[in-house]
Amino acid sequence: MKKKLNKLNKIEKGLQMFLFDDQIRALTLAKRSRRAVWSQDTVLTARRIRGAVGVKGYEFLRELGYPLPSYRTLCNRMEPKIMTPPTMQDELAAIGLCEVVDKITPLSEMD
């Protein structure tokens, strides 16, 4: 019994190295009844992953069972903001779209 508990603790510590606590909790939920509550950190990381691998790659990871929010959740959790170009650059960089950031000209340089 003690060996199994130690083994489970090691597995959990290993998962904590690359997953947030809410993602670990989501792994314990049944697939059909997934009603996970995602943290802001998880949503931001998921946006970056989605930006890096695209929609099909993101959905493939979810089909494999990787604990990520649905694309719908990502869209719903985006905060509507009126963005100025520098703010937009920060937002795009945060979701992993750095190549787009390089093409934006700040308003101060447009004079």
N, C-alpha and C. Protein backbone atom coordinates (compact mmCIF):
# COMPACT_ATOMS: atom_id res chain seq x y z
N MET A 1 0.83 -1.20 0.00
CA MET A 1 0.00 0.00 0.00
C MET A 1 0.87 1.26 0.00
N LYS A 2 1.92 1.24 0.81
CA LYS A 2 2.80 2.40 0.91
C LYS A 2 3.56 2.62 -0.41
N LYS A 3 3.93 1.52 -1.08
CA LYS A 3 4.64 1.62 -2.35
C LYS A 3 3.76 2.29 -3.40
N LYS A 4 2.48 1.90 -3.42
CA LYS A 4 1.56 2.48 -4.40
C LYS A 4 1.37 3.97 -4.15
N LEU A 5 1.28 4.35 -2.88
CA LEU A 5 1.13 5.76 -2.53
C LEU A 5 2.36 6.55 -2.94
N ASN A 6 3.54 6.01 -2.69
CA ASN A 6 4.77 6.67 -3.11
C ASN A 6 4.85 6.81 -4.62
N LYS A 7 4.43 5.75 -5.32
CA LYS A 7 4.44 5.78 -6.78
C LYS A 7 3.48 6.86 -7.31
N LEU A 8 2.29 6.94 -6.72
CA LEU A 8 1.33 7.97 -7.12
C LEU A 8 1.85 9.37 -6.84
N ASN A 9 2.52 9.55 -5.72
CA ASN A 9 3.11 10.85 -5.39
C ASN A 9 4.18 11.24 -6.41
N LYS A 10 4.99 10.27 -6.83
CA LYS A 10 6.02 10.55 -7.84
C LYS A 10 5.40 10.92 -9.17
N ILE A 11 4.33 10.22 -9.53
CA ILE A 11 3.63 10.54 -10.78
C ILE A 11 3.05 11.95 -10.72
N GLU A 12 2.43 12.29 -9.60
CA GLU A 12 1.84 13.63 -9.46
C GLU A 12 2.91 14.71 -9.52
N LYS A 13 4.05 14.48 -8.88
CA LYS A 13 5.14 15.47 -8.93
C LYS A 13 5.67 15.62 -10.35
N GLY A 14 5.72 14.51 -11.09
CA GLY A 14 6.14 14.58 -12.49
C GLY A 14 5.17 15.38 -13.32
N LEU A 15 3.88 15.20 -13.10
CA LEU A 15 2.87 15.96 -13.83
C LEU A 15 2.93 17.44 -13.49
N GLN A 16 3.23 17.75 -12.24
CA GLN A 16 3.29 19.15 -11.80
C GLN A 16 4.44 19.91 -12.46
N MET A 17 5.37 19.20 -13.06
CA MET A 17 6.49 19.86 -13.73
C MET A 17 6.06 20.53 -15.03
N PHE A 18 4.97 20.02 -15.66
CA PHE A 18 4.56 20.62 -16.93
C PHE A 18 3.06 20.88 -17.04
N LEU A 19 2.29 20.55 -16.01
CA LEU A 19 0.85 20.83 -16.00
C LEU A 19 0.50 21.68 -14.78
N PHE A 20 -0.50 22.53 -14.94
CA PHE A 20 -1.03 23.29 -13.81
C PHE A 20 -1.97 22.39 -13.01
N ASP A 21 -2.27 22.78 -11.77
CA ASP A 21 -3.13 21.97 -10.90
C ASP A 21 -4.50 21.69 -11.51
N ASP A 22 -5.09 22.70 -12.19
CA ASP A 22 -6.40 22.49 -12.79
C ASP A 22 -6.35 21.47 -13.93
N GLN A 23 -5.21 21.39 -14.62
CA GLN A 23 -5.07 20.40 -15.68
C GLN A 23 -4.97 18.99 -15.08
N ILE A 24 -4.28 18.87 -13.96
CA ILE A 24 -4.18 17.58 -13.28
C ILE A 24 -5.56 17.13 -12.80
N ARG A 25 -6.33 18.08 -12.25
CA ARG A 25 -7.70 17.76 -11.82
C ARG A 25 -8.55 17.32 -13.01
N ALA A 26 -8.36 17.97 -14.16
CA ALA A 26 -9.15 17.64 -15.35
C ALA A 26 -8.87 16.21 -15.81
N LEU A 27 -7.67 15.72 -15.56
CA LEU A 27 -7.34 14.34 -15.94
C LEU A 27 -8.16 13.31 -15.17
N THR A 28 -8.64 13.70 -13.99
CA THR A 28 -9.39 12.76 -13.17
C THR A 28 -10.88 12.73 -13.53
N LEU A 29 -11.33 13.69 -14.33
CA LEU A 29 -12.74 13.75 -14.72
C LEU A 29 -13.02 12.78 -15.86
N ALA A 30 -14.23 12.25 -15.90
CA ALA A 30 -14.65 11.41 -17.02
C ALA A 30 -14.74 12.27 -18.27
N LYS A 31 -14.38 11.71 -19.42
CA LYS A 31 -14.35 12.51 -20.65
C LYS A 31 -15.70 13.11 -20.99
N ARG A 32 -16.77 12.38 -20.80
CA ARG A 32 -18.10 12.89 -21.16
C ARG A 32 -18.59 13.97 -20.21
N SER A 33 -18.13 13.95 -18.99
CA SER A 33 -18.61 14.93 -18.02
C SER A 33 -17.56 15.97 -17.68
N ARG A 34 -16.71 16.26 -18.63
CA ARG A 34 -15.66 17.24 -18.36
C ARG A 34 -16.26 18.62 -18.13
N ARG A 35 -16.20 19.05 -16.93
CA ARG A 35 -16.64 20.39 -16.55
C ARG A 35 -15.52 21.04 -15.77
N ALA A 36 -14.35 21.05 -16.36
CA ALA A 36 -13.18 21.59 -15.67
C ALA A 36 -13.28 23.10 -15.57
N VAL A 37 -12.78 23.64 -14.50
CA VAL A 37 -12.66 25.07 -14.32
C VAL A 37 -11.19 25.40 -14.58
N TRP A 38 -10.95 26.16 -15.64
CA TRP A 38 -9.58 26.43 -16.07
C TRP A 38 -9.06 27.73 -15.46
N SER A 39 -7.83 27.70 -15.00
CA SER A 39 -7.19 28.89 -14.44
C SER A 39 -6.75 29.81 -15.58
N GLN A 40 -6.47 31.05 -15.23
CA GLN A 40 -6.00 32.02 -16.22
C GLN A 40 -4.67 31.57 -16.81
N ASP A 41 -3.79 31.00 -15.98
CA ASP A 41 -2.49 30.51 -16.47
C ASP A 41 -2.67 29.42 -17.52
N THR A 42 -3.60 28.51 -17.27
CA THR A 42 -3.86 27.44 -18.23
C THR A 42 -4.41 28.00 -19.53
N VAL A 43 -5.31 28.95 -19.45
CA VAL A 43 -5.91 29.54 -20.65
C VAL A 43 -4.83 30.27 -21.46
N LEU A 44 -3.97 31.03 -20.79
CA LEU A 44 -2.90 31.73 -21.51
C LEU A 44 -1.94 30.75 -22.18
N THR A 45 -1.58 29.69 -21.46
CA THR A 45 -0.69 28.68 -22.03
C THR A 45 -1.36 27.97 -23.20
N ALA A 46 -2.65 27.68 -23.06
CA ALA A 46 -3.39 27.03 -24.13
C ALA A 46 -3.45 27.92 -25.38
N ARG A 47 -3.60 29.21 -25.20
CA ARG A 47 -3.59 30.13 -26.34
C ARG A 47 -2.24 30.10 -27.06
N ARG A 48 -1.17 30.03 -26.28
CA ARG A 48 0.17 29.97 -26.88
C ARG A 48 0.36 28.66 -27.64
N ILE A 49 -0.11 27.57 -27.07
CA ILE A 49 -0.01 26.27 -27.75
C ILE A 49 -0.82 26.30 -29.03
N ARG A 50 -2.03 26.83 -28.96
CA ARG A 50 -2.90 26.90 -30.13
C ARG A 50 -2.27 27.77 -31.21
N GLY A 51 -1.62 28.86 -30.81
CA GLY A 51 -0.93 29.71 -31.77
C GLY A 51 0.26 29.02 -32.41
N ALA A 52 0.91 28.15 -31.67
CA ALA A 52 2.10 27.47 -32.18
C ALA A 52 1.76 26.29 -33.09
N VAL A 53 0.71 25.54 -32.75
CA VAL A 53 0.41 24.32 -33.51
C VAL A 53 -0.80 24.45 -34.43
N GLY A 54 -1.55 25.54 -34.34
CA GLY A 54 -2.72 25.72 -35.18
C GLY A 54 -3.94 25.00 -34.62
N VAL A 55 -5.07 25.20 -35.28
CA VAL A 55 -6.34 24.64 -34.81
C VAL A 55 -6.32 23.11 -34.85
N LYS A 56 -5.87 22.55 -35.97
CA LYS A 56 -5.88 21.08 -36.11
C LYS A 56 -4.93 20.43 -35.12
N GLY A 57 -3.75 21.01 -34.93
CA GLY A 57 -2.80 20.46 -33.97
C GLY A 57 -3.33 20.55 -32.55
N TYR A 58 -3.99 21.65 -32.23
CA TYR A 58 -4.56 21.84 -30.90
C TYR A 58 -5.65 20.81 -30.64
N GLU A 59 -6.54 20.62 -31.60
CA GLU A 59 -7.62 19.64 -31.45
C GLU A 59 -7.06 18.21 -31.38
N PHE A 60 -5.97 17.96 -32.10
CA PHE A 60 -5.34 16.64 -32.04
C PHE A 60 -4.81 16.37 -30.63
N LEU A 61 -4.16 17.36 -30.02
CA LEU A 61 -3.68 17.21 -28.64
C LEU A 61 -4.84 16.93 -27.69
N ARG A 62 -5.95 17.62 -27.88
CA ARG A 62 -7.12 17.40 -27.02
C ARG A 62 -7.69 16.00 -27.22
N GLU A 63 -7.72 15.53 -28.47
CA GLU A 63 -8.21 14.17 -28.75
C GLU A 63 -7.32 13.11 -28.09
N LEU A 64 -6.02 13.39 -28.02
CA LEU A 64 -5.10 12.46 -27.36
C LEU A 64 -5.31 12.41 -25.85
N GLY A 65 -6.04 13.40 -25.34
CA GLY A 65 -6.33 13.42 -23.90
C GLY A 65 -5.52 14.45 -23.13
N TYR A 66 -4.75 15.28 -23.84
CA TYR A 66 -4.00 16.33 -23.16
C TYR A 66 -5.00 17.29 -22.53
N PRO A 67 -4.86 17.61 -21.24
CA PRO A 67 -5.85 18.44 -20.55
C PRO A 67 -5.77 19.92 -20.94
N LEU A 68 -6.49 20.26 -21.99
CA LEU A 68 -6.54 21.64 -22.47
C LEU A 68 -7.98 22.10 -22.59
N PRO A 69 -8.24 23.39 -22.39
CA PRO A 69 -9.60 23.91 -22.58
C PRO A 69 -10.01 23.79 -24.05
N SER A 70 -11.30 23.74 -24.27
CA SER A 70 -11.80 23.69 -25.65
C SER A 70 -11.51 25.03 -26.33
N TYR A 71 -11.55 25.00 -27.66
CA TYR A 71 -11.34 26.23 -28.42
C TYR A 71 -12.42 27.25 -28.07
N ARG A 72 -13.63 26.77 -27.86
CA ARG A 72 -14.73 27.65 -27.47
C ARG A 72 -14.43 28.35 -26.15
N THR A 73 -13.87 27.60 -25.20
CA THR A 73 -13.50 28.20 -23.91
C THR A 73 -12.44 29.27 -24.10
N LEU A 74 -11.46 29.00 -24.97
CA LEU A 74 -10.42 30.00 -25.23
C LEU A 74 -11.04 31.29 -25.77
N CYS A 75 -11.97 31.15 -26.70
CA CYS A 75 -12.62 32.33 -27.27
C CYS A 75 -13.46 33.07 -26.23
N ASN A 76 -14.18 32.32 -25.40
CA ASN A 76 -15.04 32.94 -24.39
C ASN A 76 -14.24 33.65 -23.30
N ARG A 77 -13.05 33.15 -23.01
CA ARG A 77 -12.25 33.73 -21.94
C ARG A 77 -11.39 34.91 -22.38
N MET A 78 -11.39 35.21 -23.67
CA MET A 78 -10.63 36.37 -24.14
C MET A 78 -11.35 37.63 -23.67
N GLU A 79 -10.60 38.52 -23.08
CA GLU A 79 -11.19 39.76 -22.60
C GLU A 79 -11.28 40.76 -23.73
N PRO A 80 -12.49 41.30 -23.97
CA PRO A 80 -12.59 42.32 -25.01
C PRO A 80 -11.88 43.59 -24.54
N LYS A 81 -10.99 44.09 -25.37
CA LYS A 81 -10.24 45.30 -25.03
C LYS A 81 -10.14 46.18 -26.27
N ILE A 82 -10.09 47.47 -26.03
CA ILE A 82 -9.75 48.39 -27.10
C ILE A 82 -8.24 48.50 -27.04
N MET A 83 -7.58 48.02 -28.09
CA MET A 83 -6.13 47.93 -28.03
C MET A 83 -5.47 49.00 -28.88
N THR A 84 -4.46 49.59 -28.31
CA THR A 84 -3.58 50.45 -29.08
C THR A 84 -2.50 49.54 -29.64
N PRO A 85 -1.83 49.94 -30.69
CA PRO A 85 -0.83 49.05 -31.28
C PRO A 85 0.20 48.48 -30.30
N PRO A 86 0.79 49.25 -29.37
CA PRO A 86 1.73 48.62 -28.44
C PRO A 86 1.06 47.56 -27.55
N THR A 87 -0.18 47.83 -27.12
CA THR A 87 -0.90 46.86 -26.31
C THR A 87 -1.19 45.62 -27.15
N MET A 88 -1.57 45.82 -28.39
CA MET A 88 -1.85 44.71 -29.28
C MET A 88 -0.60 43.86 -29.47
N GLN A 89 0.54 44.51 -29.57
CA GLN A 89 1.79 43.78 -29.73
C GLN A 89 2.04 42.87 -28.53
N ASP A 90 1.80 43.39 -27.32
CA ASP A 90 1.99 42.58 -26.12
C ASP A 90 1.04 41.40 -26.10
N GLU A 91 -0.22 41.64 -26.48
CA GLU A 91 -1.21 40.57 -26.50
C GLU A 91 -0.83 39.49 -27.51
N LEU A 92 -0.40 39.90 -28.70
CA LEU A 92 -0.02 38.93 -29.72
C LEU A 92 1.21 38.14 -29.30
N ALA A 93 2.14 38.80 -28.66
CA ALA A 93 3.32 38.10 -28.17
C ALA A 93 2.95 37.09 -27.08
N ALA A 94 1.97 37.45 -26.24
CA ALA A 94 1.55 36.57 -25.15
C ALA A 94 0.91 35.29 -25.67
N ILE A 95 0.27 35.34 -26.83
CA ILE A 95 -0.36 34.13 -27.36
C ILE A 95 0.49 33.44 -28.41
N GLY A 96 1.73 33.87 -28.55
CA GLY A 96 2.66 33.17 -29.41
C GLY A 96 2.60 33.55 -30.87
N LEU A 97 2.12 34.73 -31.19
CA LEU A 97 2.07 35.17 -32.58
C LEU A 97 3.12 36.25 -32.83
N CYS A 98 4.34 35.96 -32.48
CA CYS A 98 5.42 36.93 -32.56
C CYS A 98 5.70 37.40 -33.98
N GLU A 99 5.49 36.51 -34.98
CA GLU A 99 5.77 36.90 -36.35
C GLU A 99 4.83 38.02 -36.80
N VAL A 100 3.64 38.09 -36.25
CA VAL A 100 2.70 39.16 -36.58
C VAL A 100 3.15 40.46 -35.92
N VAL A 101 3.70 40.38 -34.73
CA VAL A 101 4.12 41.56 -33.98
C VAL A 101 5.14 42.36 -34.75
N ASP A 102 6.06 41.68 -35.44
CA ASP A 102 7.12 42.37 -36.18
C ASP A 102 6.58 43.22 -37.33
N LYS A 103 5.40 42.91 -37.82
CA LYS A 103 4.83 43.62 -38.96
C LYS A 103 4.00 44.83 -38.57
N ILE A 104 3.77 45.05 -37.28
CA ILE A 104 2.95 46.16 -36.83
C ILE A 104 3.83 47.39 -36.61
N THR A 105 3.41 48.50 -37.17
CA THR A 105 4.14 49.75 -37.01
C THR A 105 3.48 50.55 -35.90
N PRO A 106 4.21 50.91 -34.83
CA PRO A 106 3.61 51.72 -33.77
C PRO A 106 3.12 53.06 -34.31
N LEU A 107 2.07 53.59 -33.68
CA LEU A 107 1.51 54.88 -34.10
C LEU A 107 2.55 55.98 -34.05
N SER A 108 3.47 55.94 -33.09
CA SER A 108 4.47 57.00 -32.95
C SER A 108 5.40 57.07 -34.17
N GLU A 109 5.56 55.96 -34.88
CA GLU A 109 6.43 55.95 -36.06
C GLU A 109 5.68 56.28 -37.34
N MET A 110 4.36 56.43 -37.26
CA MET A 110 3.57 56.65 -38.47
C MET A 110 3.47 58.13 -38.83
N ASP A 111 4.04 59.02 -38.04
CA ASP A 111 3.95 60.47 -38.32
C ASP A 111 4.75 60.90 -39.50
